[in-house]
PDB file of N, CA and C in Angstrom:
ATOM      1  N   MET A   1      22.919  37.442   1.563  1.00  0.00           N
ATOM      2  CA  MET A   1      23.583  38.732   1.503  1.00  0.00           C
ATOM      3  C   MET A   1      23.677  39.146   0.032  1.00  0.00           C
ATOM      4  N   ASN A   2      23.191  40.324  -0.300  1.00  0.00           N
ATOM      5  CA  ASN A   2      23.238  40.771  -1.689  1.00  0.00           C
ATOM      6  C   ASN A   2      24.534  41.525  -1.976  1.00  0.00           C
ATOM      7  N   ALA A   3      24.733  41.861  -3.254  1.00  0.00           N
ATOM      8  CA  ALA A   3      25.986  42.493  -3.677  1.00  0.00           C
ATOM      9  C   ALA A   3      26.186  43.861  -3.028  1.00  0.00           C
ATOM     10  N   ILE A   4      25.108  44.606  -2.826  1.00  0.00           N
ATOM     11  CA  ILE A   4      25.240  45.930  -2.215  1.00  0.00           C
ATOM     12  C   ILE A   4      25.714  45.798  -0.768  1.00  0.00           C
ATOM     13  N   THR A   5      25.144  44.879  -0.024  1.00  0.00           N
ATOM     14  CA  THR A   5      25.561  44.661   1.359  1.00  0.00           C
ATOM     15  C   THR A   5      27.014  44.223   1.418  1.00  0.00           C
ATOM     16  N   GLN A   6      27.386  43.310   0.530  1.00  0.00           N
ATOM     17  CA  GLN A   6      28.772  42.848   0.501  1.00  0.00           C
ATOM     18  C   GLN A   6      29.705  44.015   0.213  1.00  0.00           C
ATOM     19  N   HIS A   7      29.354  44.853  -0.739  1.00  0.00           N
ATOM     20  CA  HIS A   7      30.196  45.996  -1.091  1.00  0.00           C
ATOM     21  C   HIS A   7      30.298  46.969   0.078  1.00  0.00           C
ATOM     22  N   ASP A   8      29.185  47.213   0.746  1.00  0.00           N
ATOM     23  CA  ASP A   8      29.192  48.132   1.887  1.00  0.00           C
ATOM     24  C   ASP A   8      30.100  47.638   3.009  1.00  0.00           C
ATOM     25  N   GLU A   9      30.204  46.350   3.160  1.00  0.00           N
ATOM     26  CA  GLU A   9      31.069  45.789   4.188  1.00  0.00           C
ATOM     27  C   GLU A   9      32.520  45.700   3.723  1.00  0.00           C
ATOM     28  N   LEU A  10      32.715  45.530   2.443  1.00  0.00           N
ATOM     29  CA  LEU A  10      34.053  45.344   1.898  1.00  0.00           C
ATOM     30  C   LEU A  10      34.858  46.643   1.874  1.00  0.00           C
ATOM     31  N   THR A  11      34.232  47.736   1.501  1.00  0.00           N
ATOM     32  CA  THR A  11      34.953  49.001   1.362  1.00  0.00           C
ATOM     33  C   THR A  11      35.637  49.438   2.662  1.00  0.00           C
ATOM     34  N   PRO A  12      34.949  49.470   3.798  1.00  0.00           N
ATOM     35  CA  PRO A  12      35.647  49.850   5.045  1.00  0.00           C
ATOM     36  C   PRO A  12      36.769  48.880   5.410  1.00  0.00           C
ATOM     37  N   TYR A  13      36.550  47.610   5.139  1.00  0.00           N
ATOM     38  CA  TYR A  13      37.589  46.614   5.426  1.00  0.00           C
ATOM     39  C   TYR A  13      38.838  46.901   4.598  1.00  0.00           C
ATOM     40  N   LEU A  14      38.668  47.137   3.305  1.00  0.00           N
ATOM     41  CA  LEU A  14      39.818  47.414   2.436  1.00  0.00           C
ATOM     42  C   LEU A  14      40.520  48.703   2.841  1.00  0.00           C
ATOM     43  N   GLN A  15      39.761  49.708   3.223  1.00  0.00           N
ATOM     44  CA  GLN A  15      40.370  50.966   3.661  1.00  0.00           C
ATOM     45  C   GLN A  15      41.203  50.764   4.923  1.00  0.00           C
ATOM     46  N   ALA A  16      40.735  49.932   5.821  1.00  0.00           N
ATOM     47  CA  ALA A  16      41.486  49.655   7.050  1.00  0.00           C
ATOM     48  C   ALA A  16      42.781  48.908   6.753  1.00  0.00           C
ATOM     49  N   GLN A  17      42.801  48.123   5.695  1.00  0.00           N
ATOM     50  CA  GLN A  17      43.982  47.333   5.350  1.00  0.00           C
ATOM     51  C   GLN A  17      45.084  48.176   4.710  1.00  0.00           C
ATOM     52  N   GLN A  18      44.743  49.314   4.151  1.00  0.00           N
ATOM     53  CA  GLN A  18      45.714  50.140   3.434  1.00  0.00           C
ATOM     54  C   GLN A  18      46.837  50.655   4.321  1.00  0.00           C
ATOM     55  N   HIS A  19      46.627  50.739   5.604  1.00  0.00           N
ATOM     56  CA  HIS A  19      47.614  51.329   6.502  1.00  0.00           C
ATOM     57  C   HIS A  19      48.469  50.295   7.217  1.00  0.00           C
ATOM     58  N   LYS A  20      48.305  49.052   6.901  1.00  0.00           N
ATOM     59  CA  LYS A  20      49.090  48.004   7.552  1.00  0.00           C
ATOM     60  C   LYS A  20      50.490  47.954   6.950  1.00  0.00           C
ATOM     61  N   GLN A  21      51.464  47.658   7.788  1.00  0.00           N
ATOM     62  CA  GLN A  21      52.851  47.568   7.351  1.00  0.00           C
ATOM     63  C   GLN A  21      53.238  46.156   6.927  1.00  0.00           C
ATOM     64  N   LEU A  22      52.447  45.182   7.315  1.00  0.00           N
ATOM     65  CA  LEU A  22      52.779  43.788   7.067  1.00  0.00           C
ATOM     66  C   LEU A  22      51.621  43.095   6.369  1.00  0.00           C
ATOM     67  N   LEU A  23      51.935  42.412   5.300  1.00  0.00           N
ATOM     68  CA  LEU A  23      50.936  41.627   4.585  1.00  0.00           C
ATOM     69  C   LEU A  23      51.202  40.158   4.855  1.00  0.00           C
ATOM     70  N   ARG A  24      50.229  39.493   5.382  1.00  0.00           N
ATOM     71  CA  ARG A  24      50.331  38.040   5.574  1.00  0.00           C
ATOM     72  C   ARG A  24      49.657  37.399   4.383  1.00  0.00           C
ATOM     73  N   PHE A  25      50.384  36.496   3.756  1.00  0.00           N
ATOM     74  CA  PHE A  25      49.923  35.925   2.499  1.00  0.00           C
ATOM     75  C   PHE A  25      50.201  34.434   2.509  1.00  0.00           C
ATOM     76  N   ILE A  26      49.251  33.665   2.054  1.00  0.00           N
ATOM     77  CA  ILE A  26      49.440  32.220   1.959  1.00  0.00           C
ATOM     78  C   ILE A  26      49.030  31.776   0.560  1.00  0.00           C
ATOM     79  N   THR A  27      49.764  30.825   0.062  1.00  0.00           N
ATOM     80  CA  THR A  27      49.408  30.232  -1.218  1.00  0.00           C
ATOM     81  C   THR A  27      49.580  28.729  -1.102  1.00  0.00           C
ATOM     82  N   CYS A  28      48.754  28.008  -1.779  1.00  0.00           N
ATOM     83  CA  CYS A  28      48.883  26.557  -1.787  1.00  0.00           C
ATOM     84  C   CYS A  28      48.465  26.041  -3.154  1.00  0.00           C
ATOM     85  N   GLY A  29      48.977  24.893  -3.479  1.00  0.00           N
ATOM     86  CA  GLY A  29      48.665  24.281  -4.763  1.00  0.00           C
ATOM     87  C   GLY A  29      49.579  23.108  -5.006  1.00  0.00           C
ATOM     88  N   SER A  30      49.381  22.478  -6.127  1.00  0.00           N
ATOM     89  CA  SER A  30      50.174  21.313  -6.510  1.00  0.00           C
ATOM     90  C   SER A  30      51.453  21.749  -7.209  1.00  0.00           C
ATOM     91  N   VAL A  31      52.290  20.785  -7.518  1.00  0.00           N
ATOM     92  CA  VAL A  31      53.528  21.035  -8.256  1.00  0.00           C
ATOM     93  C   VAL A  31      53.192  21.725  -9.579  1.00  0.00           C
ATOM     94  N   ASP A  32      53.981  22.727  -9.923  1.00  0.00           N
ATOM     95  CA  ASP A  32      53.844  23.472 -11.180  1.00  0.00           C
ATOM     96  C   ASP A  32      52.556  24.278 -11.294  1.00  0.00           C
ATOM     97  N   ASP A  33      51.948  24.626 -10.172  1.00  0.00           N
ATOM     98  CA  ASP A  33      50.764  25.488 -10.211  1.00  0.00           C
ATOM     99  C   ASP A  33      51.135  26.968 -10.285  1.00  0.00           C
ATOM    100  N   GLY A  34      52.409  27.302 -10.049  1.00  0.00           N
ATOM    101  CA  GLY A  34      52.850  28.685 -10.165  1.00  0.00           C
ATOM    102  C   GLY A  34      52.935  29.449  -8.859  1.00  0.00           C
ATOM    103  N   LYS A  35      53.059  28.758  -7.746  1.00  0.00           N
ATOM    104  CA  LYS A  35      53.126  29.423  -6.440  1.00  0.00           C
ATOM    105  C   LYS A  35      54.358  30.321  -6.336  1.00  0.00           C
ATOM    106  N   SER A  36      55.513  29.795  -6.664  1.00  0.00           N
ATOM    107  CA  SER A  36      56.750  30.589  -6.591  1.00  0.00           C
ATOM    108  C   SER A  36      56.718  31.726  -7.597  1.00  0.00           C
ATOM    109  N   THR A  37      56.178  31.470  -8.768  1.00  0.00           N
ATOM    110  CA  THR A  37      56.072  32.509  -9.787  1.00  0.00           C
ATOM    111  C   THR A  37      55.175  33.636  -9.301  1.00  0.00           C
ATOM    112  N   LEU A  38      54.060  33.299  -8.673  1.00  0.00           N
ATOM    113  CA  LEU A  38      53.145  34.309  -8.144  1.00  0.00           C
ATOM    114  C   LEU A  38      53.829  35.165  -7.087  1.00  0.00           C
ATOM    115  N   ILE A  39      54.502  34.543  -6.141  1.00  0.00           N
ATOM    116  CA  ILE A  39      55.158  35.298  -5.076  1.00  0.00           C
ATOM    117  C   ILE A  39      56.289  36.149  -5.645  1.00  0.00           C
ATOM    118  N   GLY A  40      57.063  35.595  -6.567  1.00  0.00           N
ATOM    119  CA  GLY A  40      58.112  36.369  -7.221  1.00  0.00           C
ATOM    120  C   GLY A  40      57.553  37.566  -7.970  1.00  0.00           C
ATOM    121  N   ARG A  41      56.430  37.360  -8.649  1.00  0.00           N
ATOM    122  CA  ARG A  41      55.805  38.458  -9.390  1.00  0.00           C
ATOM    123  C   ARG A  41      55.289  39.535  -8.437  1.00  0.00           C
ATOM    124  N   LEU A  42      54.724  39.119  -7.307  1.00  0.00           N
ATOM    125  CA  LEU A  42      54.266  40.093  -6.313  1.00  0.00           C
ATOM    126  C   LEU A  42      55.428  40.922  -5.766  1.00  0.00           C
ATOM    127  N   LEU A  43      56.557  40.280  -5.514  1.00  0.00           N
ATOM    128  CA  LEU A  43      57.745  41.010  -5.060  1.00  0.00           C
ATOM    129  C   LEU A  43      58.184  42.022  -6.113  1.00  0.00           C
ATOM    130  N   TYR A  44      58.192  41.597  -7.364  1.00  0.00           N
ATOM    131  CA  TYR A  44      58.596  42.464  -8.472  1.00  0.00           C
ATOM    132  C   TYR A  44      57.630  43.647  -8.621  1.00  0.00           C
ATOM    133  N   GLU A  45      56.341  43.358  -8.667  1.00  0.00           N
ATOM    134  CA  GLU A  45      55.333  44.402  -8.879  1.00  0.00           C
ATOM    135  C   GLU A  45      55.242  45.376  -7.710  1.00  0.00           C
ATOM    136  N   SER A  46      55.570  44.927  -6.503  1.00  0.00           N
ATOM    137  CA  SER A  46      55.517  45.820  -5.345  1.00  0.00           C
ATOM    138  C   SER A  46      56.795  46.650  -5.206  1.00  0.00           C
ATOM    139  N   LYS A  47      57.720  46.462  -6.144  1.00  0.00           N
ATOM    140  CA  LYS A  47      58.944  47.266  -6.226  1.00  0.00           C
ATOM    141  C   LYS A  47      59.791  47.187  -4.960  1.00  0.00           C
ATOM    142  N   VAL A  48      59.926  45.990  -4.414  1.00  0.00           N
ATOM    143  CA  VAL A  48      60.756  45.799  -3.226  1.00  0.00           C
ATOM    144  C   VAL A  48      62.106  45.168  -3.563  1.00  0.00           C
ATOM    145  N   LEU A  49      62.380  44.963  -4.848  1.00  0.00           N
ATOM    146  CA  LEU A  49      63.656  44.377  -5.259  1.00  0.00           C
ATOM    147  C   LEU A  49      64.716  45.462  -5.375  1.00  0.00           C
ATOM    148  N   PHE A  50      65.914  45.160  -4.910  1.00  0.00           N
ATOM    149  CA  PHE A  50      67.047  46.049  -5.112  1.00  0.00           C
ATOM    150  C   PHE A  50      67.566  45.864  -6.534  1.00  0.00           C
ATOM    151  N   GLU A  51      68.327  46.837  -7.014  1.00  0.00           N
ATOM    152  CA  GLU A  51      68.841  46.771  -8.382  1.00  0.00           C
ATOM    153  C   GLU A  51      69.663  45.512  -8.618  1.00  0.00           C
ATOM    154  N   ASP A  52      70.496  45.132  -7.633  1.00  0.00           N
ATOM    155  CA  ASP A  52      71.321  43.941  -7.817  1.00  0.00           C
ATOM    156  C   ASP A  52      70.462  42.675  -7.865  1.00  0.00           C
ATOM    157  N   GLN A  53      69.359  42.640  -7.114  1.00  0.00           N
ATOM    158  CA  GLN A  53      68.460  41.486  -7.167  1.00  0.00           C
ATOM    159  C   GLN A  53      67.787  41.397  -8.534  1.00  0.00           C
ATOM    160  N   PHE A  54      67.378  42.548  -9.058  1.00  0.00           N
ATOM    161  CA  PHE A  54      66.750  42.549 -10.377  1.00  0.00           C
ATOM    162  C   PHE A  54      67.751  42.139 -11.450  1.00  0.00           C
ATOM    163  N   GLY A  55      68.976  42.635 -11.345  1.00  0.00           N
ATOM    164  CA  GLY A  55      70.015  42.242 -12.295  1.00  0.00           C
ATOM    165  C   GLY A  55      70.289  40.750 -12.251  1.00  0.00           C
ATOM    166  N   GLN A  56      70.325  40.201 -11.039  1.00  0.00           N
ATOM    167  CA  GLN A  56      70.527  38.757 -10.889  1.00  0.00           C
ATOM    168  C   GLN A  56      69.345  37.985 -11.466  1.00  0.00           C
ATOM    169  N   LEU A  57      68.140  38.497 -11.272  1.00  0.00           N
ATOM    170  CA  LEU A  57      66.948  37.855 -11.841  1.00  0.00           C
ATOM    171  C   LEU A  57      67.036  37.819 -13.361  1.00  0.00           C
ATOM    172  N   GLU A  58      67.458  38.922 -13.961  1.00  0.00           N
ATOM    173  CA  GLU A  58      67.602  38.952 -15.419  1.00  0.00           C
ATOM    174  C   GLU A  58      68.628  37.928 -15.888  1.00  0.00           C
ATOM    175  N   ALA A  59      69.783  37.895 -15.213  1.00  0.00           N
ATOM    176  CA  ALA A  59      70.840  36.953 -15.593  1.00  0.00           C
ATOM    177  C   ALA A  59      70.394  35.510 -15.389  1.00  0.00           C
ATOM    178  N   ASP A  60      69.786  35.228 -14.244  1.00  0.00           N
ATOM    179  CA  ASP A  60      69.322  33.868 -13.962  1.00  0.00           C
ATOM    180  C   ASP A  60      68.214  33.446 -14.912  1.00  0.00           C
ATOM    181  N   SER A  61      67.334  34.368 -15.261  1.00  0.00           N
ATOM    182  CA  SER A  61      66.243  34.044 -16.183  1.00  0.00           C
ATOM    183  C   SER A  61      66.791  33.659 -17.546  1.00  0.00           C
ATOM    184  N   GLU A  62      67.832  34.365 -17.972  1.00  0.00           N
ATOM    185  CA  GLU A  62      68.446  34.052 -19.262  1.00  0.00           C
ATOM    186  C   GLU A  62      69.142  32.696 -19.222  1.00  0.00           C
ATOM    187  N   LYS A  63      69.799  32.412 -18.104  1.00  0.00           N
ATOM    188  CA  LYS A  63      70.579  31.179 -17.977  1.00  0.00           C
ATOM    189  C   LYS A  63      69.723  29.971 -17.599  1.00  0.00           C
ATOM    190  N   LEU A  64      68.833  30.141 -16.615  1.00  0.00           N
ATOM    191  CA  LEU A  64      68.102  29.011 -16.036  1.00  0.00           C
ATOM    192  C   LEU A  64      66.598  29.061 -16.248  1.00  0.00           C
ATOM    193  N   GLY A  65      66.096  30.168 -16.737  1.00  0.00           N
ATOM    194  CA  GLY A  65      64.657  30.396 -16.774  1.00  0.00           C
ATOM    195  C   GLY A  65      63.879  29.415 -17.628  1.00  0.00           C
ATOM    196  N   THR A  66      62.617  29.257 -17.254  1.00  0.00           N
ATOM    197  CA  THR A  66      61.719  28.346 -17.961  1.00  0.00           C
ATOM    198  C   THR A  66      60.655  29.107 -18.735  1.00  0.00           C
ATOM    199  N   GLN A  67      60.800  30.438 -18.830  1.00  0.00           N
ATOM    200  CA  GLN A  67      59.767  31.272 -19.445  1.00  0.00           C
ATOM    201  C   GLN A  67      60.193  31.847 -20.793  1.00  0.00           C
ATOM    202  N   GLY A  68      61.139  31.229 -21.449  1.00  0.00           N
ATOM    203  CA  GLY A  68      61.604  31.740 -22.735  1.00  0.00           C
ATOM    204  C   GLY A  68      62.346  33.050 -22.552  1.00  0.00           C
ATOM    205  N   GLU A  69      61.914  34.074 -23.267  1.00  0.00           N
ATOM    206  CA  GLU A  69      62.557  35.388 -23.194  1.00  0.00           C
ATOM    207  C   GLU A  69      62.079  36.216 -21.994  1.00  0.00           C
ATOM    208  N   GLU A  70      61.053  35.764 -21.312  1.00  0.00           N
ATOM    209  CA  GLU A  70      60.465  36.504 -20.188  1.00  0.00           C
ATOM    210  C   GLU A  70      61.248  36.258 -18.895  1.00  0.00           C
ATOM    211  N   LEU A  71      61.075  37.161 -17.931  1.00  0.00           N
ATOM    212  CA  LEU A  71      61.663  36.959 -16.610  1.00  0.00           C
ATOM    213  C   LEU A  71      61.003  35.761 -15.941  1.00  0.00           C
ATOM    214  N   ASP A  72      61.799  34.939 -15.283  1.00  0.00           N
ATOM    215  CA  ASP A  72      61.282  33.784 -14.545  1.00  0.00           C
ATOM    216  C   ASP A  72      61.202  34.177 -13.075  1.00  0.00           C
ATOM    217  N   PHE A  73      60.059  34.712 -12.667  1.00  0.00           N
ATOM    218  CA  PHE A  73      59.891  35.257 -11.321  1.00  0.00           C
ATOM    219  C   PHE A  73      60.056  34.215 -10.232  1.00  0.00           C
ATOM    220  N   ALA A  74      59.860  32.947 -10.536  1.00  0.00           N
ATOM    221  CA  ALA A  74      60.038  31.882  -9.542  1.00  0.00           C
ATOM    222  C   ALA A  74      61.477  31.849  -9.035  1.00  0.00           C
ATOM    223  N   LEU A  75      62.413  32.305  -9.853  1.00  0.00           N
ATOM    224  CA  LEU A  75      63.820  32.284  -9.451  1.00  0.00           C
ATOM    225  C   LEU A  75      64.105  33.221  -8.279  1.00  0.00           C
ATOM    226  N   LEU A  76      63.219  34.169  -8.025  1.00  0.00           N
ATOM    227  CA  LEU A  76      63.400  35.053  -6.871  1.00  0.00           C
ATOM    228  C   LEU A  76      63.263  34.301  -5.559  1.00  0.00           C
ATOM    229  N   VAL A  77      62.457  33.266  -5.528  1.00  0.00           N
ATOM    230  CA  VAL A  77      62.233  32.529  -4.279  1.00  0.00           C
ATOM    231  C   VAL A  77      62.823  31.129  -4.304  1.00  0.00           C
ATOM    232  N   ASP A  78      63.179  30.632  -5.463  1.00  0.00           N
ATOM    233  CA  ASP A  78      63.812  29.316  -5.568  1.00  0.00           C
ATOM    234  C   ASP A  78      65.319  29.509  -5.518  1.00  0.00           C
ATOM    235  N   GLY A  79      65.872  29.483  -4.303  1.00  0.00           N
ATOM    236  CA  GLY A  79      67.275  29.807  -4.113  1.00  0.00           C
ATOM    237  C   GLY A  79      68.227  28.631  -4.137  1.00  0.00           C
ATOM    238  N   LEU A  80      67.734  27.431  -3.913  1.00  0.00           N
ATOM    239  CA  LEU A  80      68.618  26.270  -3.911  1.00  0.00           C
ATOM    240  C   LEU A  80      69.007  25.899  -5.335  1.00  0.00           C
ATOM    241  N   ALA A  81      70.244  25.470  -5.518  1.00  0.00           N
ATOM    242  CA  ALA A  81      70.719  25.095  -6.854  1.00  0.00           C
ATOM    243  C   ALA A  81      69.849  23.999  -7.457  1.00  0.00           C
ATOM    244  N   ALA A  82      69.477  23.014  -6.647  1.00  0.00           N
ATOM    245  CA  ALA A  82      68.644  21.916  -7.158  1.00  0.00           C
ATOM    246  C   ALA A  82      67.283  22.426  -7.626  1.00  0.00           C
ATOM    247  N   GLU A  83      66.736  23.420  -6.927  1.00  0.00           N
ATOM    248  CA  GLU A  83      65.451  23.989  -7.328  1.00  0.00           C
ATOM    249  C   GLU A  83      65.569  24.659  -8.686  1.00  0.00           C
ATOM    250  N   ARG A  84      66.626  25.403  -8.853  1.00  0.00           N
ATOM    251  CA  ARG A  84      66.814  26.123 -10.107  1.00  0.00           C
ATOM    252  C   ARG A  84      67.077  25.171 -11.267  1.00  0.00           C
ATOM    253  N   GLU A  85      67.848  24.137 -11.018  1.00  0.00           N
ATOM    254  CA  GLU A  85      68.150  23.171 -12.073  1.00  0.00           C
ATOM    255  C   GLU A  85      66.913  22.389 -12.493  1.00  0.00           C
ATOM    256  N   GLN A  86      66.091  22.007 -11.516  1.00  0.00           N
ATOM    257  CA  GLN A  86      64.916  21.193 -11.809  1.00  0.00           C
ATOM    258  C   GLN A  86      63.678  22.028 -12.131  1.00  0.00           C
ATOM    259  N   GLY A  87      63.733  23.321 -11.832  1.00  0.00           N
ATOM    260  CA  GLY A  87      62.594  24.186 -12.099  1.00  0.00           C
ATOM    261  C   GLY A  87      61.431  23.966 -11.150  1.00  0.00           C
ATOM    262  N   ILE A  88      61.713  23.455  -9.939  1.00  0.00           N
ATOM    263  CA  ILE A  88      60.669  23.237  -8.940  1.00  0.00           C
ATOM    264  C   ILE A  88      61.153  23.709  -7.579  1.00  0.00           C
ATOM    265  N   THR A  89      60.229  24.012  -6.697  1.00  0.00           N
ATOM    266  CA  THR A  89      60.565  24.397  -5.330  1.00  0.00           C
ATOM    267  C   THR A  89      60.624  23.149  -4.470  1.00  0.00           C
ATOM    268  N   LEU A  90      61.739  22.951  -3.791  1.00  0.00           N
ATOM    269  CA  LEU A  90      61.913  21.771  -2.950  1.00  0.00           C
ATOM    270  C   LEU A  90      61.682  22.070  -1.485  1.00  0.00           C
ATOM    271  N   LEU A  91      62.030  23.273  -1.062  1.00  0.00           N
ATOM    272  CA  LEU A  91      61.959  23.632   0.349  1.00  0.00           C
ATOM    273  C   LEU A  91      60.964  24.762   0.527  1.00  0.00           C
ATOM    274  N   THR A  92      59.984  24.556   1.399  1.00  0.00           N
ATOM    275  CA  THR A  92      59.035  25.611   1.724  1.00  0.00           C
ATOM    276  C   THR A  92      58.904  25.705   3.229  1.00  0.00           C
ATOM    277  N   LEU A  93      58.514  26.859   3.692  1.00  0.00           N
ATOM    278  CA  LEU A  93      58.326  27.076   5.129  1.00  0.00           C
ATOM    279  C   LEU A  93      56.900  27.458   5.405  1.00  0.00           C
TER     280      LEU A  93
END
């Protein structure tokens, strides 16, 4: 299959996906590969955070964050105290 054929098949597929209300997403990797950070960043970039959630993210990033002065997006999904203290995700579904 050449690049033109792939593109011709990809464009209609992507257009069909634009109208879906639900995105199913899976990520996998080893410890410290950035899975929680990726999902947190996707939540942030898709603008689905409420103001209070963003404010809490800023406060938690300053207090517990592992990214220096930057927002620690992993904190959006790492809700357990032990996860935040250790900087790792312990519970996944």
